[in-house]
Amino acid sequence: AAKLGLLQEDVAVNAITGSTGAGQKPG
């Protein structure tokens, strides 16, 4: 979309990640 020059207004992004994204150290 950026290549097409379409990012002219604010882009809403939602993303969900698994627990391994927080690393191995428990928290």
PDB file of all heavy atoms in Angstrom:
ATOM      1  N   ALA A   1       0.833  -1.201   0.000  1.00  0.00           N
ATOM      2  CA  ALA A   1       0.000   0.000   0.000  1.00  0.00           C
ATOM      3  C   ALA A   1       0.867   1.250   0.000  1.00  0.00           C
ATOM      4  O   ALA A   1       0.550   2.249  -0.672  1.00  0.00           O
ATOM      5  CB  ALA A   1      -0.934  -0.002   1.204  1.00  0.00           C
ATOM      6  N   ALA A   2       1.970   1.221   0.746  1.00  0.00           N
ATOM      7  CA  ALA A   2       2.902   2.341   0.740  1.00  0.00           C
ATOM      8  C   ALA A   2       3.507   2.539  -0.645  1.00  0.00           C
ATOM      9  O   ALA A   2       3.681   3.676  -1.105  1.00  0.00           O
ATOM     10  CB  ALA A   2       4.010   2.104   1.775  1.00  0.00           C
ATOM     11  N   LYS A   3       3.806   1.440  -1.317  1.00  0.00           N
ATOM     12  CA  LYS A   3       4.349   1.522  -2.679  1.00  0.00           C
ATOM     13  C   LYS A   3       3.382   2.233  -3.610  1.00  0.00           C
ATOM     14  O   LYS A   3       3.788   2.969  -4.519  1.00  0.00           O
ATOM     15  CB  LYS A   3       4.645   0.110  -3.190  1.00  0.00           C
ATOM     16  CG  LYS A   3       5.295   0.047  -4.563  1.00  0.00           C
ATOM     17  CD  LYS A   3       6.733   0.536  -4.524  1.00  0.00           C
ATOM     18  CE  LYS A   3       7.433   0.305  -5.857  1.00  0.00           C
ATOM     19  NZ  LYS A   3       8.832   0.796  -5.832  1.00  0.00           N
ATOM     20  N   LEU A   4       2.081   2.045  -3.376  1.00  0.00           N
ATOM     21  CA  LEU A   4       1.051   2.719  -4.163  1.00  0.00           C
ATOM     22  C   LEU A   4       0.789   4.143  -3.688  1.00  0.00           C
ATOM     23  O   LEU A   4       0.004   4.875  -4.303  1.00  0.00           O
ATOM     24  CB  LEU A   4      -0.253   1.924  -4.098  1.00  0.00           C
ATOM     25  CG  LEU A   4      -0.312   0.597  -4.855  1.00  0.00           C
ATOM     26  CD1 LEU A   4      -1.616  -0.129  -4.536  1.00  0.00           C
ATOM     27  CD2 LEU A   4      -0.169   0.807  -6.357  1.00  0.00           C
ATOM     28  N   GLY A   5       1.410   4.541  -2.572  1.00  0.00           N
ATOM     29  CA  GLY A   5       1.189   5.867  -2.020  1.00  0.00           C
ATOM     30  C   GLY A   5      -0.148   6.026  -1.336  1.00  0.00           C
ATOM     31  O   GLY A   5      -0.686   7.130  -1.229  1.00  0.00           O
ATOM     32  N   LEU A   6      -0.693   4.925  -0.787  1.00  0.00           N
ATOM     33  CA  LEU A   6      -2.043   4.947  -0.226  1.00  0.00           C
ATOM     34  C   LEU A   6      -2.107   5.357   1.240  1.00  0.00           C
ATOM     35  O   LEU A   6      -3.197   5.610   1.761  1.00  0.00           O
ATOM     36  CB  LEU A   6      -2.691   3.556  -0.369  1.00  0.00           C
ATOM     37  CG  LEU A   6      -2.863   3.010  -1.789  1.00  0.00           C
ATOM     38  CD1 LEU A   6      -3.588   1.678  -1.741  1.00  0.00           C
ATOM     39  CD2 LEU A   6      -3.596   4.004  -2.674  1.00  0.00           C
ATOM     40  N   LEU A   7      -0.967   5.439   1.912  1.00  0.00           N
ATOM     41  CA  LEU A   7      -0.988   5.707   3.358  1.00  0.00           C
ATOM     42  C   LEU A   7      -0.984   7.210   3.601  1.00  0.00           C
ATOM     43  O   LEU A   7      -0.004   7.796   4.075  1.00  0.00           O
ATOM     44  CB  LEU A   7       0.199   5.022   4.043  1.00  0.00           C
ATOM     45  CG  LEU A   7       0.346   3.522   3.788  1.00  0.00           C
ATOM     46  CD1 LEU A   7       1.510   2.962   4.590  1.00  0.00           C
ATOM     47  CD2 LEU A   7      -0.935   2.777   4.087  1.00  0.00           C
ATOM     48  N   GLN A   8      -2.104   7.832   3.277  1.00  0.00           N
ATOM     49  CA  GLN A   8      -2.240   9.277   3.397  1.00  0.00           C
ATOM     50  C   GLN A   8      -3.067   9.685   4.607  1.00  0.00           C
ATOM     51  O   GLN A   8      -3.026  10.834   5.018  1.00  0.00           O
ATOM     52  CB  GLN A   8      -2.868   9.837   2.118  1.00  0.00           C
ATOM     53  CG  GLN A   8      -2.063   9.555   0.866  1.00  0.00           C
ATOM     54  CD  GLN A   8      -0.646  10.103   0.935  1.00  0.00           C
ATOM     55  OE1 GLN A   8      -0.407  11.201   1.459  1.00  0.00           O
ATOM     56  NE2 GLN A   8       0.316   9.335   0.425  1.00  0.00           N
ATOM     57  N   GLU A   9      -3.841   8.745   5.144  1.00  0.00           N
ATOM     58  CA  GLU A   9      -4.615   8.989   6.360  1.00  0.00           C
ATOM     59  C   GLU A   9      -4.198   7.979   7.419  1.00  0.00           C
ATOM     60  O   GLU A   9      -3.603   6.946   7.121  1.00  0.00           O
ATOM     61  CB  GLU A   9      -6.116   8.882   6.080  1.00  0.00           C
ATOM     62  CG  GLU A   9      -6.635   9.919   5.092  1.00  0.00           C
ATOM     63  CD  GLU A   9      -8.144   9.891   5.002  1.00  0.00           C
ATOM     64  OE1 GLU A   9      -8.810   9.994   6.056  1.00  0.00           O
ATOM     65  OE2 GLU A   9      -8.660   9.761   3.879  1.00  0.00           O
ATOM     66  N   ASP A  10      -4.531   8.293   8.689  1.00  0.00           N
ATOM     67  CA  ASP A  10      -4.118   7.433   9.793  1.00  0.00           C
ATOM     68  C   ASP A  10      -4.574   5.994   9.570  1.00  0.00           C
ATOM     69  O   ASP A  10      -5.699   5.745   9.119  1.00  0.00           O
ATOM     70  CB  ASP A  10      -4.681   7.948  11.111  1.00  0.00           C
ATOM     71  CG  ASP A  10      -4.089   9.305  11.491  1.00  0.00           C
ATOM     72  OD1 ASP A  10      -3.162   9.763  10.800  1.00  0.00           O
ATOM     73  OD2 ASP A  10      -4.565   9.900  12.470  1.00  0.00           O
ATOM     74  N   VAL A  11      -3.693   5.050   9.891  1.00  0.00           N
ATOM     75  CA  VAL A  11      -3.957   3.628   9.705  1.00  0.00           C
ATOM     76  C   VAL A  11      -4.188   2.990  11.069  1.00  0.00           C
ATOM     77  O   VAL A  11      -3.358   3.123  11.977  1.00  0.00           O
ATOM     78  CB  VAL A  11      -2.772   2.932   8.994  1.00  0.00           C
ATOM     79  CG1 VAL A  11      -3.053   1.441   8.823  1.00  0.00           C
ATOM     80  CG2 VAL A  11      -2.495   3.595   7.646  1.00  0.00           C
ATOM     81  N   ALA A  12      -5.322   2.310  11.224  1.00  0.00           N
ATOM     82  CA  ALA A  12      -5.636   1.612  12.472  1.00  0.00           C
ATOM     83  C   ALA A  12      -5.128   0.182  12.390  1.00  0.00           C
ATOM     84  O   ALA A  12      -5.488  -0.559  11.464  1.00  0.00           O
ATOM     85  CB  ALA A  12      -7.136   1.626  12.721  1.00  0.00           C
ATOM     86  N   VAL A  13      -4.286  -0.198  13.344  1.00  0.00           N
ATOM     87  CA  VAL A  13      -3.685  -1.530  13.351  1.00  0.00           C
ATOM     88  C   VAL A  13      -3.954  -2.199  14.692  1.00  0.00           C
ATOM     89  O   VAL A  13      -3.677  -1.630  15.747  1.00  0.00           O
ATOM     90  CB  VAL A  13      -2.164  -1.464  13.112  1.00  0.00           C
ATOM     91  CG1 VAL A  13      -1.555  -2.864  13.150  1.00  0.00           C
ATOM     92  CG2 VAL A  13      -1.848  -0.785  11.781  1.00  0.00           C
ATOM     93  N   ASN A  14      -4.489  -3.412  14.647  1.00  0.00           N
ATOM     94  CA  ASN A  14      -4.646  -4.244  15.834  1.00  0.00           C
ATOM     95  C   ASN A  14      -3.937  -5.566  15.577  1.00  0.00           C
ATOM     96  O   ASN A  14      -4.125  -6.168  14.508  1.00  0.00           O
ATOM     97  CB  ASN A  14      -6.118  -4.514  16.144  1.00  0.00           C
ATOM     98  CG  ASN A  14      -6.861  -3.261  16.578  1.00  0.00           C
ATOM     99  OD1 ASN A  14      -6.857  -2.905  17.741  1.00  0.00           O
ATOM    100  ND2 ASN A  14      -7.491  -2.589  15.630  1.00  0.00           N
ATOM    101  N   ALA A  15      -3.133  -6.016  16.538  1.00  0.00           N
ATOM    102  CA  ALA A  15      -2.422  -7.280  16.355  1.00  0.00           C
ATOM    103  C   ALA A  15      -2.315  -8.006  17.682  1.00  0.00           C
ATOM    104  O   ALA A  15      -2.046  -7.391  18.719  1.00  0.00           O
ATOM    105  CB  ALA A  15      -1.032  -7.036  15.767  1.00  0.00           C
ATOM    106  N   ILE A  16      -2.509  -9.304  17.619  1.00  0.00           N
ATOM    107  CA  ILE A  16      -2.469 -10.139  18.815  1.00  0.00           C
ATOM    108  C   ILE A  16      -1.323 -11.130  18.697  1.00  0.00           C
ATOM    109  O   ILE A  16      -1.102 -11.715  17.633  1.00  0.00           O
ATOM    110  CB  ILE A  16      -3.821 -10.859  19.026  1.00  0.00           C
ATOM    111  CG1 ILE A  16      -3.826 -11.631  20.341  1.00  0.00           C
ATOM    112  CG2 ILE A  16      -4.186 -11.754  17.845  1.00  0.00           C
ATOM    113  CD1 ILE A  16      -5.216 -12.121  20.735  1.00  0.00           C
ATOM    114  N   THR A  17      -0.572 -11.297  19.785  1.00  0.00           N
ATOM    115  CA  THR A  17       0.594 -12.174  19.763  1.00  0.00           C
ATOM    116  C   THR A  17       0.509 -13.232  20.851  1.00  0.00           C
ATOM    117  O   THR A  17      -0.136 -13.044  21.886  1.00  0.00           O
ATOM    118  CB  THR A  17       1.899 -11.365  19.953  1.00  0.00           C
ATOM    119  OG1 THR A  17       3.033 -12.228  19.781  1.00  0.00           O
ATOM    120  CG2 THR A  17       1.960 -10.732  21.323  1.00  0.00           C
ATOM    121  N   GLY A  18       1.185 -14.345  20.614  1.00  0.00           N
ATOM    122  CA  GLY A  18       1.245 -15.422  21.587  1.00  0.00           C
ATOM    123  C   GLY A  18       2.200 -15.118  22.726  1.00  0.00           C
ATOM    124  O   GLY A  18       3.006 -14.182  22.669  1.00  0.00           O
ATOM    125  N   SER A  19       2.159 -15.936  23.755  1.00  0.00           N
ATOM    126  CA  SER A  19       2.922 -15.683  24.976  1.00  0.00           C
ATOM    127  C   SER A  19       4.430 -15.789  24.763  1.00  0.00           C
ATOM    128  O   SER A  19       5.203 -15.178  25.510  1.00  0.00           O
ATOM    129  CB  SER A  19       2.489 -16.648  26.082  1.00  0.00           C
ATOM    130  OG  SER A  19       2.662 -17.994  25.674  1.00  0.00           O
ATOM    131  N   THR A  20       4.884 -16.546  23.748  1.00  0.00           N
ATOM    132  CA  THR A  20       6.327 -16.649  23.503  1.00  0.00           C
ATOM    133  C   THR A  20       6.919 -15.315  23.069  1.00  0.00           C
ATOM    134  O   THR A  20       8.128 -15.119  23.161  1.00  0.00           O
ATOM    135  CB  THR A  20       6.625 -17.709  22.433  1.00  0.00           C
ATOM    136  OG1 THR A  20       5.846 -17.430  21.262  1.00  0.00           O
ATOM    137  CG2 THR A  20       6.307 -19.101  22.947  1.00  0.00           C
ATOM    138  N   GLY A  21       6.070 -14.386  22.620  1.00  0.00           N
ATOM    139  CA  GLY A  21       6.557 -13.066  22.259  1.00  0.00           C
ATOM    140  C   GLY A  21       7.116 -12.296  23.439  1.00  0.00           C
ATOM    141  O   GLY A  21       7.862 -11.329  23.265  1.00  0.00           O
ATOM    142  N   ALA A  22       6.771 -12.713  24.646  1.00  0.00           N
ATOM    143  CA  ALA A  22       7.261 -12.037  25.852  1.00  0.00           C
ATOM    144  C   ALA A  22       8.577 -12.628  26.356  1.00  0.00           C
ATOM    145  O   ALA A  22       9.106 -12.174  27.370  1.00  0.00           O
ATOM    146  CB  ALA A  22       6.210 -12.120  26.957  1.00  0.00           C
ATOM    147  N   GLY A  23       9.109 -13.640  25.663  1.00  0.00           N
ATOM    148  CA  GLY A  23      10.368 -14.237  26.084  1.00  0.00           C
ATOM    149  C   GLY A  23      10.179 -15.358  27.092  1.00  0.00           C
ATOM    150  O   GLY A  23       9.084 -15.609  27.596  1.00  0.00           O
ATOM    151  N   GLN A  24      11.293 -16.038  27.409  1.00  0.00           N
ATOM    152  CA  GLN A  24      11.236 -17.234  28.249  1.00  0.00           C
ATOM    153  C   GLN A  24      11.178 -16.935  29.738  1.00  0.00           C
ATOM    154  O   GLN A  24      10.663 -17.727  30.525  1.00  0.00           O
ATOM    155  CB  GLN A  24      12.451 -18.123  27.952  1.00  0.00           C
ATOM    156  CG  GLN A  24      12.341 -19.522  28.538  1.00  0.00           C
ATOM    157  CD  GLN A  24      13.434 -20.435  28.032  1.00  0.00           C
ATOM    158  OE1 GLN A  24      14.520 -19.982  27.674  1.00  0.00           O
ATOM    159  NE2 GLN A  24      13.165 -21.717  27.979  1.00  0.00           N
ATOM    160  N   LYS A  25      11.694 -15.765  30.133  1.00  0.00           N
ATOM    161  CA  LYS A  25      11.694 -15.429  31.554  1.00  0.00           C
ATOM    162  C   LYS A  25      10.263 -15.234  32.046  1.00  0.00           C
ATOM    163  O   LYS A  25       9.515 -14.439  31.494  1.00  0.00           O
ATOM    164  CB  LYS A  25      12.508 -14.156  31.800  1.00  0.00           C
ATOM    165  CG  LYS A  25      12.682 -13.815  33.275  1.00  0.00           C
ATOM    166  CD  LYS A  25      13.556 -12.579  33.453  1.00  0.00           C
ATOM    167  CE  LYS A  25      13.735 -12.234  34.917  1.00  0.00           C
ATOM    168  NZ  LYS A  25      14.596 -11.034  35.104  1.00  0.00           N
ATOM    169  N   PRO A  26       9.830 -15.959  33.068  1.00  0.00           N
ATOM    170  CA  PRO A  26       8.438 -15.864  33.542  1.00  0.00           C
ATOM    171  C   PRO A  26       8.091 -14.457  34.024  1.00  0.00           C
ATOM    172  O   PRO A  26       8.927 -13.741  34.564  1.00  0.00           O
ATOM    173  CB  PRO A  26       8.384 -16.869  34.709  1.00  0.00           C
ATOM    174  CG  PRO A  26       9.537 -17.796  34.482  1.00  0.00           C
ATOM    175  CD  PRO A  26      10.605 -16.958  33.841  1.00  0.00           C
ATOM    176  N   GLY A  27       6.847 -14.098  33.812  1.00  0.00           N
ATOM    177  CA  GLY A  27       6.359 -12.803  34.283  1.00  0.00           C
ATOM    178  C   GLY A  27       4.877 -12.886  34.573  1.00  0.00           C
ATOM    179  O   GLY A  27       4.211 -13.877  34.241  1.00  0.00           O
TER     180      GLY A  27
END
